[in-house]
Each structure stands twice: as C-alpha cells, then as structure tokens.
PDB file of N, CA and C in Angstrom:
ATOM      1  N   MET A   1     -10.987  24.758   5.671  1.00  0.00           N
ATOM      2  CA  MET A   1     -11.993  24.738   5.029  1.00  0.00           C
ATOM      3  C   MET A   1     -12.890  24.825   5.893  1.00  0.00           C
ATOM      4  N   HIS A   2     -13.236  24.885   7.387  1.00  0.00           N
ATOM      5  CA  HIS A   2     -13.645  25.045   8.670  1.00  0.00           C
ATOM      6  C   HIS A   2     -13.843  26.913   8.246  1.00  0.00           C
ATOM      7  N   GLN A   3     -15.607  26.823   8.366  1.00  0.00           N
ATOM      8  CA  GLN A   3     -16.367  28.260   8.439  1.00  0.00           C
ATOM      9  C   GLN A   3     -15.858  29.006   7.256  1.00  0.00           C
ATOM     10  N   THR A   4     -15.785  28.187   6.309  1.00  0.00           N
ATOM     11  CA  THR A   4     -16.187  28.843   5.257  1.00  0.00           C
ATOM     12  C   THR A   4     -17.165  28.869   3.895  1.00  0.00           C
ATOM     13  N   ARG A   5     -17.743  29.585   3.578  1.00  0.00           N
ATOM     14  CA  ARG A   5     -18.990  29.508   2.363  1.00  0.00           C
ATOM     15  C   ARG A   5     -18.217  29.199   0.722  1.00  0.00           C
ATOM     16  N   GLU A   6     -17.138  29.502   0.646  1.00  0.00           N
ATOM     17  CA  GLU A   6     -16.872  29.017  -0.428  1.00  0.00           C
ATOM     18  C   GLU A   6     -17.058  27.530  -0.532  1.00  0.00           C
ATOM     19  N   ARG A   7     -17.252  28.075  -2.311  1.00  0.00           N
ATOM     20  CA  ARG A   7     -17.818  26.425  -2.868  1.00  0.00           C
ATOM     21  C   ARG A   7     -16.590  25.084  -2.823  1.00  0.00           C
ATOM     22  N   ARG A   8     -16.689  24.113  -2.169  1.00  0.00           N
ATOM     23  CA  ARG A   8     -15.902  23.148  -2.069  1.00  0.00           C
ATOM     24  C   ARG A   8     -15.812  22.322  -2.960  1.00  0.00           C
ATOM     25  N   THR A   9     -14.137  21.914  -3.601  1.00  0.00           N
ATOM     26  CA  THR A   9     -13.823  20.956  -4.466  1.00  0.00           C
ATOM     27  C   THR A   9     -14.211  19.433  -3.769  1.00  0.00           C
ATOM     28  N   PRO A  10     -14.082  18.474  -5.204  1.00  0.00           N
ATOM     29  CA  PRO A  10     -13.579  17.321  -4.546  1.00  0.00           C
ATOM     30  C   PRO A  10     -12.765  16.624  -4.033  1.00  0.00           C
ATOM     31  N   VAL A  11     -11.600  17.263  -3.949  1.00  0.00           N
ATOM     32  CA  VAL A  11     -10.454  17.224  -3.347  1.00  0.00           C
ATOM     33  C   VAL A  11     -10.415  17.860  -2.184  1.00  0.00           C
ATOM     34  N   THR A  12     -10.905  19.088  -1.651  1.00  0.00           N
ATOM     35  CA  THR A  12     -11.201  19.496  -0.120  1.00  0.00           C
ATOM     36  C   THR A  12     -12.192  19.123   0.456  1.00  0.00           C
ATOM     37  N   LEU A  13     -13.276  18.552  -0.134  1.00  0.00           N
ATOM     38  CA  LEU A  13     -14.254  17.647   0.400  1.00  0.00           C
ATOM     39  C   LEU A  13     -13.413  16.379   0.858  1.00  0.00           C
ATOM     40  N   ASP A  14     -13.124  15.597   0.669  1.00  0.00           N
ATOM     41  CA  ASP A  14     -12.625  14.574   0.899  1.00  0.00           C
ATOM     42  C   ASP A  14     -11.339  15.076   1.996  1.00  0.00           C
ATOM     43  N   ARG A  15     -10.502  15.958   1.552  1.00  0.00           N
ATOM     44  CA  ARG A  15      -9.679  16.100   2.741  1.00  0.00           C
ATOM     45  C   ARG A  15     -10.571  16.404   4.157  1.00  0.00           C
ATOM     46  N   TYR A  16     -11.656  17.212   4.103  1.00  0.00           N
ATOM     47  CA  TYR A  16     -12.412  17.382   5.536  1.00  0.00           C
ATOM     48  C   TYR A  16     -12.993  16.381   5.773  1.00  0.00           C
ATOM     49  N   PHE A  17     -13.510  15.341   4.886  1.00  0.00           N
ATOM     50  CA  PHE A  17     -14.416  14.479   5.713  1.00  0.00           C
ATOM     51  C   PHE A  17     -12.584  13.128   6.254  1.00  0.00           C
ATOM     52  N   ASP A  18     -11.706  13.357   5.884  1.00  0.00           N
ATOM     53  CA  ASP A  18     -10.502  12.580   6.499  1.00  0.00           C
ATOM     54  C   ASP A  18     -10.433  13.226   7.857  1.00  0.00           C
ATOM     55  N   SER A  19     -10.653  14.392   7.937  1.00  0.00           N
ATOM     56  CA  SER A  19     -10.493  15.055   9.283  1.00  0.00           C
ATOM     57  C   SER A  19     -11.467  14.490  10.096  1.00  0.00           C
ATOM     58  N   VAL A  20     -12.718  14.600   9.675  1.00  0.00           N
ATOM     59  CA  VAL A  20     -13.749  13.781  10.553  1.00  0.00           C
ATOM     60  C   VAL A  20     -13.705  12.610  10.921  1.00  0.00           C
ATOM     61  N   VAL A  21     -13.073  11.856  10.144  1.00  0.00           N
ATOM     62  CA  VAL A  21     -12.272  10.318  10.499  1.00  0.00           C
ATOM     63  C   VAL A  21     -11.663  10.266  11.152  1.00  0.00           C
ATOM     64  N   ASP A  22     -10.333  11.144  11.482  1.00  0.00           N
ATOM     65  CA  ASP A  22      -9.491  11.523  12.738  1.00  0.00           C
ATOM     66  C   ASP A  22     -10.302  11.848  13.696  1.00  0.00           C
ATOM     67  N   ALA A  23     -10.741  12.678  13.862  1.00  0.00           N
ATOM     68  CA  ALA A  23     -11.663  12.981  14.745  1.00  0.00           C
ATOM     69  C   ALA A  23     -12.589  12.054  15.264  1.00  0.00           C
ATOM     70  N   LEU A  24     -12.603  11.150  14.407  1.00  0.00           N
ATOM     71  CA  LEU A  24     -14.267   9.940  15.083  1.00  0.00           C
ATOM     72  C   LEU A  24     -12.836   9.180  16.259  1.00  0.00           C
ATOM     73  N   ALA A  25     -11.933   8.895  15.649  1.00  0.00           N
ATOM     74  CA  ALA A  25     -10.648   7.764  15.432  1.00  0.00           C
ATOM     75  C   ALA A  25     -10.456   8.382  17.007  1.00  0.00           C
ATOM     76  N   ARG A  26     -10.152   9.526  17.306  1.00  0.00           N
ATOM     77  CA  ARG A  26      -9.311  10.105  18.452  1.00  0.00           C
ATOM     78  C   ARG A  26     -10.338   9.550  19.074  1.00  0.00           C
ATOM     79  N   GLU A  27     -11.422   9.508  19.394  1.00  0.00           N
ATOM     80  CA  GLU A  27     -12.617   9.587  20.499  1.00  0.00           C
ATOM     81  C   GLU A  27     -13.094   8.076  20.438  1.00  0.00           C
ATOM     82  N   GLY A  28     -12.158   7.090  19.663  1.00  0.00           N
ATOM     83  CA  GLY A  28     -12.622   5.718  19.824  1.00  0.00           C
ATOM     84  C   GLY A  28     -13.758   5.209  18.742  1.00  0.00           C
ATOM     85  N   ILE A  29     -14.124   6.090  18.017  1.00  0.00           N
ATOM     86  CA  ILE A  29     -15.182   5.479  17.298  1.00  0.00           C
ATOM     87  C   ILE A  29     -14.850   5.124  15.707  1.00  0.00           C
ATOM     88  N   ASP A  30     -14.650   4.192  15.753  1.00  0.00           N
ATOM     89  CA  ASP A  30     -14.718   3.185  14.392  1.00  0.00           C
ATOM     90  C   ASP A  30     -15.386   3.827  13.074  1.00  0.00           C
ATOM     91  N   VAL A  31     -14.605   3.818  11.745  1.00  0.00           N
ATOM     92  CA  VAL A  31     -15.378   4.308  11.079  1.00  0.00           C
ATOM     93  C   VAL A  31     -15.745   3.024  10.171  1.00  0.00           C
ATOM     94  N   ALA A  32     -16.565   2.721   9.757  1.00  0.00           N
ATOM     95  CA  ALA A  32     -17.327   1.775   8.742  1.00  0.00           C
ATOM     96  C   ALA A  32     -16.984   1.616   7.278  1.00  0.00           C
ATOM     97  N   GLN A  33     -17.561   2.919   7.196  1.00  0.00           N
ATOM     98  CA  GLN A  33     -17.981   3.559   5.214  1.00  0.00           C
ATOM     99  C   GLN A  33     -17.939   4.971   5.343  1.00  0.00           C
ATOM    100  N   VAL A  34     -17.275   5.421   4.588  1.00  0.00           N
ATOM    101  CA  VAL A  34     -17.610   6.724   4.115  1.00  0.00           C
ATOM    102  C   VAL A  34     -18.051   6.833   2.619  1.00  0.00           C
ATOM    103  N   VAL A  35     -19.234   7.729   2.573  1.00  0.00           N
ATOM    104  CA  VAL A  35     -19.725   7.641   1.551  1.00  0.00           C
ATOM    105  C   VAL A  35     -19.886   9.607   0.768  1.00  0.00           C
ATOM    106  N   LEU A  36     -19.558   9.666  -0.166  1.00  0.00           N
ATOM    107  CA  LEU A  36     -19.343  11.300  -1.037  1.00  0.00           C
ATOM    108  C   LEU A  36     -20.190  10.969  -2.239  1.00  0.00           C
ATOM    109  N   GLU A  37     -20.867  12.151  -2.279  1.00  0.00           N
ATOM    110  CA  GLU A  37     -22.283  12.318  -3.449  1.00  0.00           C
ATOM    111  C   GLU A  37     -21.506  13.746  -4.272  1.00  0.00           C
ATOM    112  N   LEU A  38     -20.793  13.018  -5.165  1.00  0.00           N
ATOM    113  CA  LEU A  38     -20.313  14.815  -5.598  1.00  0.00           C
ATOM    114  C   LEU A  38     -20.989  14.770  -7.114  1.00  0.00           C
ATOM    115  N   THR A  39     -22.375  15.139  -7.238  1.00  0.00           N
ATOM    116  CA  THR A  39     -23.215  15.818  -8.333  1.00  0.00           C
ATOM    117  C   THR A  39     -23.082  16.884  -9.156  1.00  0.00           C
ATOM    118  N   PRO A  40     -22.430  17.114  -9.411  1.00  0.00           N
ATOM    119  CA  PRO A  40     -22.339  18.560  -9.784  1.00  0.00           C
ATOM    120  C   PRO A  40     -23.145  19.549 -10.157  1.00  0.00           C
ATOM    121  N   THR A  41     -24.997  19.119 -10.276  1.00  0.00           N
ATOM    122  CA  THR A  41     -25.622  19.428 -10.344  1.00  0.00           C
ATOM    123  C   THR A  41     -26.663  19.814  -8.956  1.00  0.00           C
ATOM    124  N   ARG A  42     -26.294  19.205  -7.892  1.00  0.00           N
ATOM    125  CA  ARG A  42     -26.594  19.293  -6.526  1.00  0.00           C
ATOM    126  C   ARG A  42     -26.049  19.445  -5.867  1.00  0.00           C
ATOM    127  N   PRO A  43     -26.720  19.934  -4.679  1.00  0.00           N
ATOM    128  CA  PRO A  43     -25.431  19.777  -3.157  1.00  0.00           C
ATOM    129  C   PRO A  43     -24.724  18.532  -2.960  1.00  0.00           C
ATOM    130  N   MET A  44     -23.465  18.870  -2.891  1.00  0.00           N
ATOM    131  CA  MET A  44     -22.748  17.524  -2.145  1.00  0.00           C
ATOM    132  C   MET A  44     -23.220  16.900  -0.800  1.00  0.00           C
ATOM    133  N   ARG A  45     -23.213  15.848  -1.251  1.00  0.00           N
ATOM    134  CA  ARG A  45     -23.505  14.864   0.033  1.00  0.00           C
ATOM    135  C   ARG A  45     -22.334  14.241   0.550  1.00  0.00           C
ATOM    136  N   GLY A  46     -22.512  13.771   1.836  1.00  0.00           N
ATOM    137  CA  GLY A  46     -21.666  12.505   2.496  1.00  0.00           C
ATOM    138  C   GLY A  46     -22.217  12.190   3.724  1.00  0.00           C
ATOM    139  N   GLN A  47     -21.725  10.622   3.975  1.00  0.00           N
ATOM    140  CA  GLN A  47     -22.397  10.358   5.023  1.00  0.00           C
ATOM    141  C   GLN A  47     -21.524   8.821   5.339  1.00  0.00           C
ATOM    142  N   VAL A  48     -21.550   9.153   6.785  1.00  0.00           N
ATOM    143  CA  VAL A  48     -20.021   8.514   7.782  1.00  0.00           C
ATOM    144  C   VAL A  48     -20.531   7.530   8.990  1.00  0.00           C
ATOM    145  N   VAL A  49     -20.624   6.470   8.355  1.00  0.00           N
ATOM    146  CA  VAL A  49     -21.197   5.085   9.182  1.00  0.00           C
ATOM    147  C   VAL A  49     -20.216   4.573  10.205  1.00  0.00           C
ATOM    148  N   THR A  50     -20.534   4.427  11.359  1.00  0.00           N
ATOM    149  CA  THR A  50     -19.356   4.112  12.396  1.00  0.00           C
ATOM    150  C   THR A  50     -19.765   2.630  12.312  1.00  0.00           C
ATOM    151  N   GLY A  51     -18.577   2.012  12.818  1.00  0.00           N
ATOM    152  CA  GLY A  51     -18.616   0.567  13.431  1.00  0.00           C
ATOM    153  C   GLY A  51     -19.937   0.064  14.097  1.00  0.00           C
ATOM    154  N   ARG A  52     -20.161   1.018  15.527  1.00  0.00           N
ATOM    155  CA  ARG A  52     -21.397   0.838  15.617  1.00  0.00           C
ATOM    156  C   ARG A  52     -22.733   0.861  15.390  1.00  0.00           C
ATOM    157  N   GLY A  53     -23.140   1.273  14.075  1.00  0.00           N
ATOM    158  CA  GLY A  53     -24.543   1.712  13.693  1.00  0.00           C
ATOM    159  C   GLY A  53     -24.854   3.321  13.523  1.00  0.00           C
ATOM    160  N   PRO A  54     -24.319   4.226  14.423  1.00  0.00           N
ATOM    161  CA  PRO A  54     -24.983   5.526  13.955  1.00  0.00           C
ATOM    162  C   PRO A  54     -24.312   6.009  12.827  1.00  0.00           C
ATOM    163  N   VAL A  55     -24.904   6.716  12.396  1.00  0.00           N
ATOM    164  CA  VAL A  55     -24.607   7.483  11.127  1.00  0.00           C
ATOM    165  C   VAL A  55     -24.714   8.987  10.892  1.00  0.00           C
ATOM    166  N   LEU A  56     -23.621   9.894  10.709  1.00  0.00           N
ATOM    167  CA  LEU A  56     -23.482  11.169  10.197  1.00  0.00           C
ATOM    168  C   LEU A  56     -24.065  11.269   8.933  1.00  0.00           C
ATOM    169  N   ARG A  57     -24.748  12.137   8.840  1.00  0.00           N
ATOM    170  CA  ARG A  57     -24.789  12.793   7.732  1.00  0.00           C
ATOM    171  C   ARG A  57     -24.969  14.332   6.967  1.00  0.00           C
ATOM    172  N   TRP A  58     -24.124  14.437   5.919  1.00  0.00           N
ATOM    173  CA  TRP A  58     -23.300  15.834   5.867  1.00  0.00           C
ATOM    174  C   TRP A  58     -24.005  16.163   4.717  1.00  0.00           C
ATOM    175  N   ARG A  59     -24.288  17.585   4.129  1.00  0.00           N
ATOM    176  CA  ARG A  59     -25.319  17.981   2.804  1.00  0.00           C
ATOM    177  C   ARG A  59     -24.351  19.220   3.013  1.00  0.00           C
ATOM    178  N   GLU A  60     -24.024  19.799   1.661  1.00  0.00           N
ATOM    179  CA  GLU A  60     -23.369  21.211   1.805  1.00  0.00           C
ATOM    180  C   GLU A  60     -23.828  22.162   1.897  1.00  0.00           C
ATOM    181  N   ASP A  61     -25.548  22.018   1.646  1.00  0.00           N
ATOM    182  CA  ASP A  61     -26.413  23.392   2.154  1.00  0.00           C
ATOM    183  C   ASP A  61     -26.749  23.034   3.509  1.00  0.00           C
ATOM    184  N   LEU A  62     -26.979  21.739   3.965  1.00  0.00           N
ATOM    185  CA  LEU A  62     -27.871  21.773   5.209  1.00  0.00           C
ATOM    186  C   LEU A  62     -26.530  21.831   6.602  1.00  0.00           C
ATOM    187  N   GLY A  63     -25.520  21.027   6.262  1.00  0.00           N
ATOM    188  CA  GLY A  63     -24.621  20.912   7.526  1.00  0.00           C
ATOM    189  C   GLY A  63     -24.524  19.316   7.645  1.00  0.00           C
ATOM    190  N   TRP A  64     -24.314  19.062   8.820  1.00  0.00           N
ATOM    191  CA  TRP A  64     -24.426  17.677   9.638  1.00  0.00           C
ATOM    192  C   TRP A  64     -25.276  17.283  10.040  1.00  0.00           C
ATOM    193  N   SER A  65     -25.662  15.972  10.642  1.00  0.00           N
ATOM    194  CA  SER A  65     -26.615  15.777  11.275  1.00  0.00           C
ATOM    195  C   SER A  65     -26.662  14.161  11.985  1.00  0.00           C
ATOM    196  N   ASN A  66     -27.228  14.224  13.264  1.00  0.00           N
ATOM    197  CA  ASN A  66     -27.059  12.840  13.895  1.00  0.00           C
ATOM    198  C   ASN A  66     -28.446  12.419  13.393  1.00  0.00           C
ATOM    199  N   GLY A  67     -29.108  12.836  13.008  1.00  0.00           N
ATOM    200  CA  GLY A  67     -30.948  12.497  13.127  1.00  0.00           C
ATOM    201  C   GLY A  67     -31.392  12.974  14.001  1.00  0.00           C
ATOM    202  N   ILE A  68     -31.207  14.206  14.912  1.00  0.00           N
ATOM    203  CA  ILE A  68     -31.754  14.480  16.319  1.00  0.00           C
ATOM    204  C   ILE A  68     -30.775  16.086  16.241  1.00  0.00           C
ATOM    205  N   ARG A  69     -29.585  15.913  16.362  1.00  0.00           N
ATOM    206  CA  ARG A  69     -28.660  17.529  16.227  1.00  0.00           C
ATOM    207  C   ARG A  69     -28.308  17.831  15.123  1.00  0.00           C
ATOM    208  N   THR A  70     -27.708  18.831  14.921  1.00  0.00           N
ATOM    209  CA  THR A  70     -27.136  19.097  13.906  1.00  0.00           C
ATOM    210  C   THR A  70     -25.983  20.298  13.855  1.00  0.00           C
ATOM    211  N   THR A  71     -24.879  20.442  12.798  1.00  0.00           N
ATOM    212  CA  THR A  71     -24.252  21.660  12.979  1.00  0.00           C
ATOM    213  C   THR A  71     -23.826  22.040  11.786  1.00  0.00           C
ATOM    214  N   SER A  72     -22.831  23.319  11.235  1.00  0.00           N
ATOM    215  CA  SER A  72     -22.999  24.039  10.529  1.00  0.00           C
ATOM    216  C   SER A  72     -22.573  22.695   9.334  1.00  0.00           C
ATOM    217  N   PRO A  73     -22.420  23.157   7.794  1.00  0.00           N
ATOM    218  CA  PRO A  73     -21.216  22.574   7.147  1.00  0.00           C
ATOM    219  C   PRO A  73     -19.886  22.522   6.931  1.00  0.00           C
ATOM    220  N   ALA A  74     -19.293  23.741   7.683  1.00  0.00           N
ATOM    221  CA  ALA A  74     -18.376  23.608   7.409  1.00  0.00           C
ATOM    222  C   ALA A  74     -17.459  23.335   9.147  1.00  0.00           C
ATOM    223  N   ALA A  75     -18.508  22.894   9.885  1.00  0.00           N
ATOM    224  CA  ALA A  75     -18.232  22.565  11.555  1.00  0.00           C
ATOM    225  C   ALA A  75     -16.948  22.356  11.761  1.00  0.00           C
ATOM    226  N   HIS A  76     -15.680  22.074  12.640  1.00  0.00           N
ATOM    227  CA  HIS A  76     -14.555  21.726  12.939  1.00  0.00           C
ATOM    228  C   HIS A  76     -15.030  20.229  13.272  1.00  0.00           C
ATOM    229  N   PRO A  77     -13.860  18.695  12.545  1.00  0.00           N
ATOM    230  CA  PRO A  77     -13.997  18.072  12.949  1.00  0.00           C
ATOM    231  C   PRO A  77     -14.087  17.522  14.186  1.00  0.00           C
ATOM    232  N   GLY A  78     -13.785  18.237  15.382  1.00  0.00           N
ATOM    233  CA  GLY A  78     -13.742  17.980  16.855  1.00  0.00           C
ATOM    234  C   GLY A  78     -15.798  18.033  16.802  1.00  0.00           C
ATOM    235  N   GLU A  79     -16.546  18.917  16.776  1.00  0.00           N
ATOM    236  CA  GLU A  79     -17.805  19.257  16.691  1.00  0.00           C
ATOM    237  C   GLU A  79     -18.701  18.198  16.435  1.00  0.00           C
ATOM    238  N   VAL A  80     -18.261  17.858  14.719  1.00  0.00           N
ATOM    239  CA  VAL A  80     -19.211  17.189  14.021  1.00  0.00           C
ATOM    240  C   VAL A  80     -18.949  15.647  15.100  1.00  0.00           C
ATOM    241  N   ALA A  81     -17.657  15.362  15.440  1.00  0.00           N
ATOM    242  CA  ALA A  81     -17.530  14.129  16.583  1.00  0.00           C
ATOM    243  C   ALA A  81     -18.329  13.890  17.823  1.00  0.00           C
ATOM    244  N   ALA A  82     -18.417  15.123  18.172  1.00  0.00           N
ATOM    245  CA  ALA A  82     -19.556  15.177  19.321  1.00  0.00           C
ATOM    246  C   ALA A  82     -20.989  15.256  19.026  1.00  0.00           C
ATOM    247  N   LEU A  83     -21.258  15.280  17.538  1.00  0.00           N
ATOM    248  CA  LEU A  83     -22.725  14.795  17.571  1.00  0.00           C
ATOM    249  C   LEU A  83     -22.684  12.993  18.146  1.00  0.00           C
ATOM    250  N   LEU A  84     -21.899  12.385  17.149  1.00  0.00           N
ATOM    251  CA  LEU A  84     -21.957  11.080  18.005  1.00  0.00           C
ATOM    252  C   LEU A  84     -22.240  11.058  19.486  1.00  0.00           C
ATOM    253  N   GLU A  85     -20.919  11.521  20.570  1.00  0.00           N
ATOM    254  CA  GLU A  85     -20.860  11.843  21.715  1.00  0.00           C
ATOM    255  C   GLU A  85     -22.730  11.902  22.596  1.00  0.00           C
ATOM    256  N   GLN A  86     -23.227  13.037  21.836  1.00  0.00           N
ATOM    257  CA  GLN A  86     -24.286  13.753  22.371  1.00  0.00           C
ATOM    258  C   GLN A  86     -25.332  12.846  22.232  1.00  0.00           C
ATOM    259  N   GLN A  87     -25.073  11.293  21.230  1.00  0.00           N
ATOM    260  CA  GLN A  87     -26.627  11.196  20.610  1.00  0.00           C
ATOM    261  C   GLN A  87     -26.992   9.572  21.805  1.00  0.00           C
ATOM    262  N   PRO A  88     -28.751  10.073  22.139  1.00  0.00           N
ATOM    263  CA  PRO A  88     -28.565   8.815  22.962  1.00  0.00           C
ATOM    264  C   PRO A  88     -28.688   7.554  22.616  1.00  0.00           C
ATOM    265  N   PRO A  89     -28.611   7.007  23.765  1.00  0.00           N
ATOM    266  CA  PRO A  89     -28.075   5.562  23.647  1.00  0.00           C
ATOM    267  C   PRO A  89     -29.451   4.790  22.813  1.00  0.00           C
ATOM    268  N   GLY A  90     -29.106   3.784  21.591  1.00  0.00           N
ATOM    269  CA  GLY A  90     -29.903   3.375  20.788  1.00  0.00           C
ATOM    270  C   GLY A  90     -30.653   3.858  19.556  1.00  0.00           C
ATOM    271  N   ARG A  91     -29.976   5.033  18.937  1.00  0.00           N
ATOM    272  CA  ARG A  91     -30.417   5.674  18.139  1.00  0.00           C
ATOM    273  C   ARG A  91     -29.001   5.563  17.144  1.00  0.00           C
ATOM    274  N   GLY A  92     -29.542   5.866  15.999  1.00  0.00           N
ATOM    275  CA  GLY A  92     -27.931   5.554  14.743  1.00  0.00           C
ATOM    276  C   GLY A  92     -28.520   5.398  13.618  1.00  0.00           C
TER     277      GLY A  92
END
C-alpha cells in the first residue's frame, strides 16, 4: 500500500493501520485506540491515539498529521511513527 495513488479498500486500510501500530510498538509507543471512518462518499479517515496522549490523524486525500508536521497518505509506517518522535514535549 505504500506510495500508491490507488483507492484503498477497507481491508487494505486496516492492514496499513496495523502496520503503523506495529511500527509505533517497535518504537516503544503504546497505542490506546485506533478509529477508522470508512464513509463511501467522503475521503477515508483514521486516528491513532497513543497511551501517552498524542494523536496522529490520517485522511486519505491529505495524509498524516500530528498537528504540527505532516507526511503523505501512503507514508511508510516508520515515517508515520517518526511524526511522534519529532513532536515537541507537551504537544498532542
């Protein structure tokens, strides 16, 4: 799924988010909640809430954001995890 412009299916999106959660776990970041919004008439959206508070938001057409920094919608899971590593203390 990485670096593609093809429309994602719910199954590929679920697998992609699983990969992101795995990448966060390898970095020692606990995930408290993952929410996927799969509305057919709108871009798919997702959110990853960590155990320590910071949130990563994803939108199919805009990509990932930690509120300060962004990366592409199909970014490698390690690149997504790096968004939290680069986040200043107290943000989230």
